[in-house]
Every structure is written in structure tokens, then in C-alpha cells.
Amino acid sequence: MICPKCANEKTYVTDTDKSGPIVERIRRCKACHYVWRTKEIPVFNLMDTEEIKAYETYIAQSLTEIKK
């Protein structure tokens, strides 16, 4: 993970807390020693592949129309 303060790529996890499906981690940068917390939340997809493709096509068309 990239440090949000100095953009260093060398970071590490100092502590992990799992409560149910949510995982919280405390991370530290090796360069500037900045400490921050991240939260990992599972995302469930309720659409099947055909619905996803249709939605992606719709979004792509909408973005194309906005750029014109």
C-alpha cells in the first residue's frame, strides 16, 4: 500500500482487528513513519454477468455523451 503522506511504497501492517466481515488494519510507512488506519469491507455483487455488461455499456455510452 502507498503511504498517503509521502507516497512511499514501502509500508507495513502493525496491527489487525477483525470484527465480523470487516477487517481494520493499522499501517505504518517505513520512510516517514506516518501511521494510518484502513478498513476492508466486503462488497457483494447482486448482478449477474449479463446485467453487469449492460450496465458497463450504459456507463460507457453516458461518459461518451458527456465528453461531446
PDB file of N, CA and C in Angstrom:
ATOM      1  N   MET A   1       0.841  -1.166   0.000  1.00  0.00           N
ATOM      2  CA  MET A   1       0.000   0.000   0.000  1.00  0.00           C
ATOM      3  C   MET A   1       0.891   1.236   0.000  1.00  0.00           C
ATOM      4  N   ILE A   2       0.449   2.287  -0.649  1.00  0.00           N
ATOM      5  CA  ILE A   2       1.209   3.526  -0.763  1.00  0.00           C
ATOM      6  C   ILE A   2       0.861   4.448   0.400  1.00  0.00           C
ATOM      7  N   CYS A   3       1.867   5.061   0.974  1.00  0.00           N
ATOM      8  CA  CYS A   3       1.679   5.985   2.100  1.00  0.00           C
ATOM      9  C   CYS A   3       0.910   7.215   1.622  1.00  0.00           C
ATOM     10  N   PRO A   4      -0.176   7.582   2.304  1.00  0.00           N
ATOM     11  CA  PRO A   4      -0.956   8.755   1.886  1.00  0.00           C
ATOM     12  C   PRO A   4      -0.243  10.083   2.170  1.00  0.00           C
ATOM     13  N   LYS A   5       0.807  10.061   2.976  1.00  0.00           N
ATOM     14  CA  LYS A   5       1.520  11.295   3.325  1.00  0.00           C
ATOM     15  C   LYS A   5       2.695  11.570   2.389  1.00  0.00           C
ATOM     16  N   CYS A   6       3.547  10.557   2.172  1.00  0.00           N
ATOM     17  CA  CYS A   6       4.760  10.782   1.372  1.00  0.00           C
ATOM     18  C   CYS A   6       4.802   9.971   0.070  1.00  0.00           C
ATOM     19  N   ALA A   7       3.799   9.143  -0.185  1.00  0.00           N
ATOM     20  CA  ALA A   7       3.681   8.320  -1.404  1.00  0.00           C
ATOM     21  C   ALA A   7       4.749   7.231  -1.504  1.00  0.00           C
ATOM     22  N   ASN A   8       5.338   6.861  -0.386  1.00  0.00           N
ATOM     23  CA  ASN A   8       6.306   5.768  -0.370  1.00  0.00           C
ATOM     24  C   ASN A   8       5.565   4.437  -0.520  1.00  0.00           C
ATOM     25  N   GLU A   9       6.138   3.526  -1.262  1.00  0.00           N
ATOM     26  CA  GLU A   9       5.506   2.224  -1.476  1.00  0.00           C
ATOM     27  C   GLU A   9       5.869   1.199  -0.403  1.00  0.00           C
ATOM     28  N   LYS A  10       6.817   1.517   0.448  1.00  0.00           N
ATOM     29  CA  LYS A  10       7.252   0.584   1.490  1.00  0.00           C
ATOM     30  C   LYS A  10       6.489   0.870   2.778  1.00  0.00           C
ATOM     31  N   THR A  11       5.420   0.131   2.996  1.00  0.00           N
ATOM     32  CA  THR A  11       4.615   0.268   4.210  1.00  0.00           C
ATOM     33  C   THR A  11       4.376  -1.117   4.781  1.00  0.00           C
ATOM     34  N   TYR A  12       3.942  -1.152   6.039  1.00  0.00           N
ATOM     35  CA  TYR A  12       3.668  -2.449   6.644  1.00  0.00           C
ATOM     36  C   TYR A  12       2.513  -2.336   7.636  1.00  0.00           C
ATOM     37  N   VAL A  13       1.910  -3.481   7.953  1.00  0.00           N
ATOM     38  CA  VAL A  13       0.786  -3.563   8.879  1.00  0.00           C
ATOM     39  C   VAL A  13       1.334  -3.792  10.278  1.00  0.00           C
ATOM     40  N   THR A  14       0.893  -2.947  11.232  1.00  0.00           N
ATOM     41  CA  THR A  14       1.351  -3.114  12.612  1.00  0.00           C
ATOM     42  C   THR A  14       0.326  -3.840  13.475  1.00  0.00           C
ATOM     43  N   ASP A  15      -0.944  -3.740  13.101  1.00  0.00           N
ATOM     44  CA  ASP A  15      -1.993  -4.393  13.887  1.00  0.00           C
ATOM     45  C   ASP A  15      -3.196  -4.670  12.996  1.00  0.00           C
ATOM     46  N   THR A  16      -3.907  -5.747  13.271  1.00  0.00           N
ATOM     47  CA  THR A  16      -5.107  -6.120  12.529  1.00  0.00           C
ATOM     48  C   THR A  16      -6.213  -6.450  13.513  1.00  0.00           C
ATOM     49  N   ASP A  17      -7.403  -5.917  13.231  1.00  0.00           N
ATOM     50  CA  ASP A  17      -8.572  -6.181  14.071  1.00  0.00           C
ATOM     51  C   ASP A  17      -9.710  -6.633  13.171  1.00  0.00           C
ATOM     52  N   LYS A  18     -10.183  -7.846  13.404  1.00  0.00           N
ATOM     53  CA  LYS A  18     -11.274  -8.375  12.583  1.00  0.00           C
ATOM     54  C   LYS A  18     -12.516  -8.502  13.448  1.00  0.00           C
ATOM     55  N   SER A  19     -13.564  -7.763  13.065  1.00  0.00           N
ATOM     56  CA  SER A  19     -14.835  -7.886  13.760  1.00  0.00           C
ATOM     57  C   SER A  19     -15.894  -8.211  12.705  1.00  0.00           C
ATOM     58  N   GLY A  20     -16.289  -9.464  12.668  1.00  0.00           N
ATOM     59  CA  GLY A  20     -17.232  -9.915  11.639  1.00  0.00           C
ATOM     60  C   GLY A  20     -16.548  -9.894  10.288  1.00  0.00           C
ATOM     61  N   PRO A  21     -17.248  -9.409   9.260  1.00  0.00           N
ATOM     62  CA  PRO A  21     -16.663  -9.395   7.921  1.00  0.00           C
ATOM     63  C   PRO A  21     -15.721  -8.212   7.685  1.00  0.00           C
ATOM     64  N   ILE A  22     -15.675  -7.237   8.600  1.00  0.00           N
ATOM     65  CA  ILE A  22     -14.858  -6.040   8.427  1.00  0.00           C
ATOM     66  C   ILE A  22     -13.482  -6.243   9.065  1.00  0.00           C
ATOM     67  N   VAL A  23     -12.448  -5.914   8.312  1.00  0.00           N
ATOM     68  CA  VAL A  23     -11.076  -6.021   8.803  1.00  0.00           C
ATOM     69  C   VAL A  23     -10.479  -4.617   8.846  1.00  0.00           C
ATOM     70  N   GLU A  24     -10.017  -4.194  10.026  1.00  0.00           N
ATOM     71  CA  GLU A  24      -9.353  -2.900  10.176  1.00  0.00           C
ATOM     72  C   GLU A  24      -7.869  -3.156  10.410  1.00  0.00           C
ATOM     73  N   ARG A  25      -7.025  -2.384   9.711  1.00  0.00           N
ATOM     74  CA  ARG A  25      -5.586  -2.546   9.850  1.00  0.00           C
ATOM     75  C   ARG A  25      -4.950  -1.195  10.170  1.00  0.00           C
ATOM     76  N   ILE A  26      -3.957  -1.238  11.038  1.00  0.00           N
ATOM     77  CA  ILE A  26      -3.151  -0.056  11.310  1.00  0.00           C
ATOM     78  C   ILE A  26      -1.860  -0.237  10.522  1.00  0.00           C
ATOM     79  N   ARG A  27      -1.545   0.759   9.708  1.00  0.00           N
ATOM     80  CA  ARG A  27      -0.388   0.665   8.817  1.00  0.00           C
ATOM     81  C   ARG A  27       0.610   1.763   9.140  1.00  0.00           C
ATOM     82  N   ARG A  28       1.875   1.512   8.807  1.00  0.00           N
ATOM     83  CA  ARG A  28       2.944   2.474   9.079  1.00  0.00           C
ATOM     84  C   ARG A  28       3.865   2.544   7.861  1.00  0.00           C
ATOM     85  N   CYS A  29       4.289   3.748   7.548  1.00  0.00           N
ATOM     86  CA  CYS A  29       5.224   3.973   6.446  1.00  0.00           C
ATOM     87  C   CYS A  29       6.650   3.774   6.949  1.00  0.00           C
ATOM     88  N   LYS A  30       7.461   3.073   6.158  1.00  0.00           N
ATOM     89  CA  LYS A  30       8.850   2.841   6.547  1.00  0.00           C
ATOM     90  C   LYS A  30       9.709   4.092   6.362  1.00  0.00           C
ATOM     91  N   ALA A  31       9.294   5.001   5.494  1.00  0.00           N
ATOM     92  CA  ALA A  31      10.096   6.197   5.228  1.00  0.00           C
ATOM     93  C   ALA A  31       9.801   7.324   6.216  1.00  0.00           C
ATOM     94  N   CYS A  32       8.528   7.736   6.323  1.00  0.00           N
ATOM     95  CA  CYS A  32       8.194   8.902   7.159  1.00  0.00           C
ATOM     96  C   CYS A  32       7.555   8.510   8.492  1.00  0.00           C
ATOM     97  N   HIS A  33       7.314   7.227   8.702  1.00  0.00           N
ATOM     98  CA  HIS A  33       6.731   6.679   9.933  1.00  0.00           C
ATOM     99  C   HIS A  33       5.299   7.153  10.200  1.00  0.00           C
ATOM    100  N   TYR A  34       4.622   7.634   9.152  1.00  0.00           N
ATOM    101  CA  TYR A  34       3.219   8.043   9.276  1.00  0.00           C
ATOM    102  C   TYR A  34       2.365   6.808   9.567  1.00  0.00           C
ATOM    103  N   VAL A  35       1.388   6.929  10.453  1.00  0.00           N
ATOM    104  CA  VAL A  35       0.514   5.809  10.818  1.00  0.00           C
ATOM    105  C   VAL A  35      -0.906   6.152  10.393  1.00  0.00           C
ATOM    106  N   TRP A  36      -1.583   5.202   9.750  1.00  0.00           N
ATOM    107  CA  TRP A  36      -2.971   5.397   9.358  1.00  0.00           C
ATOM    108  C   TRP A  36      -3.728   4.091   9.459  1.00  0.00           C
ATOM    109  N   ARG A  37      -5.031   4.205   9.444  1.00  0.00           N
ATOM    110  CA  ARG A  37      -5.913   3.048   9.603  1.00  0.00           C
ATOM    111  C   ARG A  37      -6.673   2.820   8.299  1.00  0.00           C
ATOM    112  N   THR A  38      -6.764   1.550   7.896  1.00  0.00           N
ATOM    113  CA  THR A  38      -7.571   1.198   6.725  1.00  0.00           C
ATOM    114  C   THR A  38      -8.669   0.238   7.157  1.00  0.00           C
ATOM    115  N   LYS A  39      -9.752   0.247   6.410  1.00  0.00           N
ATOM    116  CA  LYS A  39     -10.883  -0.624   6.711  1.00  0.00           C
ATOM    117  C   LYS A  39     -11.225  -1.400   5.442  1.00  0.00           C
ATOM    118  N   GLU A  40     -11.272  -2.711   5.545  1.00  0.00           N
ATOM    119  CA  GLU A  40     -11.608  -3.574   4.413  1.00  0.00           C
ATOM    120  C   GLU A  40     -13.009  -4.117   4.626  1.00  0.00           C
ATOM    121  N   ILE A  41     -13.902  -3.754   3.711  1.00  0.00           N
ATOM    122  CA  ILE A  41     -15.303  -4.157   3.807  1.00  0.00           C
ATOM    123  C   ILE A  41     -15.640  -4.987   2.570  1.00  0.00           C
ATOM    124  N   PRO A  42     -16.197  -6.177   2.752  1.00  0.00           N
ATOM    125  CA  PRO A  42     -16.534  -6.992   1.578  1.00  0.00           C
ATOM    126  C   PRO A  42     -17.663  -6.350   0.766  1.00  0.00           C
ATOM    127  N   VAL A  43     -17.558  -6.479  -0.548  1.00  0.00           N
ATOM    128  CA  VAL A  43     -18.578  -5.958  -1.455  1.00  0.00           C
ATOM    129  C   VAL A  43     -19.235  -7.146  -2.134  1.00  0.00           C
ATOM    130  N   PHE A  44     -20.537  -7.204  -2.038  1.00  0.00           N
ATOM    131  CA  PHE A  44     -21.271  -8.306  -2.650  1.00  0.00           C
ATOM    132  C   PHE A  44     -21.925  -7.818  -3.930  1.00  0.00           C
ATOM    133  N   ASN A  45     -21.738  -8.564  -4.991  1.00  0.00           N
ATOM    134  CA  ASN A  45     -22.296  -8.200  -6.280  1.00  0.00           C
ATOM    135  C   ASN A  45     -23.636  -8.908  -6.451  1.00  0.00           C
ATOM    136  N   LEU A  46     -24.689  -8.133  -6.590  1.00  0.00           N
ATOM    137  CA  LEU A  46     -26.020  -8.714  -6.719  1.00  0.00           C
ATOM    138  C   LEU A  46     -26.499  -8.786  -8.163  1.00  0.00           C
ATOM    139  N   MET A  47     -25.604  -8.482  -9.122  1.00  0.00           N
ATOM    140  CA  MET A  47     -25.972  -8.544 -10.533  1.00  0.00           C
ATOM    141  C   MET A  47     -25.280  -9.744 -11.175  1.00  0.00           C
ATOM    142  N   ASP A  48     -25.945 -10.335 -12.150  1.00  0.00           N
ATOM    143  CA  ASP A  48     -25.286 -11.411 -12.888  1.00  0.00           C
ATOM    144  C   ASP A  48     -24.443 -10.800 -14.005  1.00  0.00           C
ATOM    145  N   THR A  49     -23.705 -11.617 -14.742  1.00  0.00           N
ATOM    146  CA  THR A  49     -22.771 -11.106 -15.735  1.00  0.00           C
ATOM    147  C   THR A  49     -23.449 -10.326 -16.859  1.00  0.00           C
ATOM    148  N   GLU A  50     -24.614 -10.740 -17.285  1.00  0.00           N
ATOM    149  CA  GLU A  50     -25.313 -10.012 -18.349  1.00  0.00           C
ATOM    150  C   GLU A  50     -25.717  -8.619 -17.872  1.00  0.00           C
ATOM    151  N   GLU A  51     -26.193  -8.518 -16.644  1.00  0.00           N
ATOM    152  CA  GLU A  51     -26.579  -7.217 -16.095  1.00  0.00           C
ATOM    153  C   GLU A  51     -25.358  -6.311 -15.936  1.00  0.00           C
ATOM    154  N   ILE A  52     -24.232  -6.896 -15.557  1.00  0.00           N
ATOM    155  CA  ILE A  52     -23.005  -6.112 -15.406  1.00  0.00           C
ATOM    156  C   ILE A  52     -22.561  -5.564 -16.764  1.00  0.00           C
ATOM    157  N   LYS A  53     -22.581  -6.413 -17.797  1.00  0.00           N
ATOM    158  CA  LYS A  53     -22.190  -5.963 -19.137  1.00  0.00           C
ATOM    159  C   LYS A  53     -23.111  -4.858 -19.641  1.00  0.00           C
ATOM    160  N   ALA A  54     -24.415  -5.000 -19.408  1.00  0.00           N
ATOM    161  CA  ALA A  54     -25.365  -3.976 -19.830  1.00  0.00           C
ATOM    162  C   ALA A  54     -25.106  -2.668 -19.090  1.00  0.00           C
ATOM    163  N   TYR A  55     -24.825  -2.745 -17.822  1.00  0.00           N
ATOM    164  CA  TYR A  55     -24.552  -1.558 -17.017  1.00  0.00           C
ATOM    165  C   TYR A  55     -23.258  -0.882 -17.474  1.00  0.00           C
ATOM    166  N   GLU A  56     -22.212  -1.672 -17.731  1.00  0.00           N
ATOM    167  CA  GLU A  56     -20.947  -1.116 -18.201  1.00  0.00           C
ATOM    168  C   GLU A  56     -21.126  -0.417 -19.549  1.00  0.00           C
ATOM    169  N   THR A  57     -21.917  -1.009 -20.441  1.00  0.00           N
ATOM    170  CA  THR A  57     -22.196  -0.393 -21.737  1.00  0.00           C
ATOM    171  C   THR A  57     -22.933   0.929 -21.545  1.00  0.00           C
ATOM    172  N   TYR A  58     -23.915   0.937 -20.665  1.00  0.00           N
ATOM    173  CA  TYR A  58     -24.679   2.152 -20.374  1.00  0.00           C
ATOM    174  C   TYR A  58     -23.762   3.263 -19.838  1.00  0.00           C
ATOM    175  N   ILE A  59     -22.888   2.915 -18.901  1.00  0.00           N
ATOM    176  CA  ILE A  59     -21.964   3.893 -18.323  1.00  0.00           C
ATOM    177  C   ILE A  59     -21.001   4.420 -19.394  1.00  0.00           C
ATOM    178  N   ALA A  60     -20.467   3.526 -20.218  1.00  0.00           N
ATOM    179  CA  ALA A  60     -19.537   3.923 -21.273  1.00  0.00           C
ATOM    180  C   ALA A  60     -20.216   4.891 -22.247  1.00  0.00           C
ATOM    181  N   GLN A  61     -21.454   4.610 -22.613  1.00  0.00           N
ATOM    182  CA  GLN A  61     -22.193   5.495 -23.516  1.00  0.00           C
ATOM    183  C   GLN A  61     -22.470   6.843 -22.850  1.00  0.00           C
ATOM    184  N   SER A  62     -22.807   6.816 -21.589  1.00  0.00           N
ATOM    185  CA  SER A  62     -23.085   8.062 -20.855  1.00  0.00           C
ATOM    186  C   SER A  62     -21.838   8.934 -20.784  1.00  0.00           C
ATOM    187  N   LEU A  63     -20.689   8.325 -20.524  1.00  0.00           N
ATOM    188  CA  LEU A  63     -19.439   9.079 -20.452  1.00  0.00           C
ATOM    189  C   LEU A  63     -19.062   9.651 -21.818  1.00  0.00           C
ATOM    190  N   THR A  64     -19.321   8.902 -22.871  1.00  0.00           N
ATOM    191  CA  THR A  64     -19.031   9.371 -24.230  1.00  0.00           C
ATOM    192  C   THR A  64     -19.897  10.583 -24.533  1.00  0.00           C
ATOM    193  N   GLU A  65     -21.160  10.536 -24.152  1.00  0.00           N
ATOM    194  CA  GLU A  65     -22.067  11.661 -24.399  1.00  0.00           C
ATOM    195  C   GLU A  65     -21.655  12.897 -23.612  1.00  0.00           C
ATOM    196  N   ILE A  66     -21.140  12.711 -22.429  1.00  0.00           N
ATOM    197  CA  ILE A  66     -20.711  13.847 -21.600  1.00  0.00           C
ATOM    198  C   ILE A  66     -19.498  14.523 -22.215  1.00  0.00           C
ATOM    199  N   LYS A  67     -18.588  13.747 -22.804  1.00  0.00           N
ATOM    200  CA  LYS A  67     -17.357  14.307 -23.385  1.00  0.00           C
ATOM    201  C   LYS A  67     -17.629  15.127 -24.637  1.00  0.00           C
ATOM    202  N   LYS A  68     -18.724  14.857 -25.343  1.00  0.00           N
ATOM    203  CA  LYS A  68     -19.008  15.545 -26.617  1.00  0.00           C
ATOM    204  C   LYS A  68     -19.367  16.981 -26.406  1.00  0.00           C
TER     205      LYS A  68
END
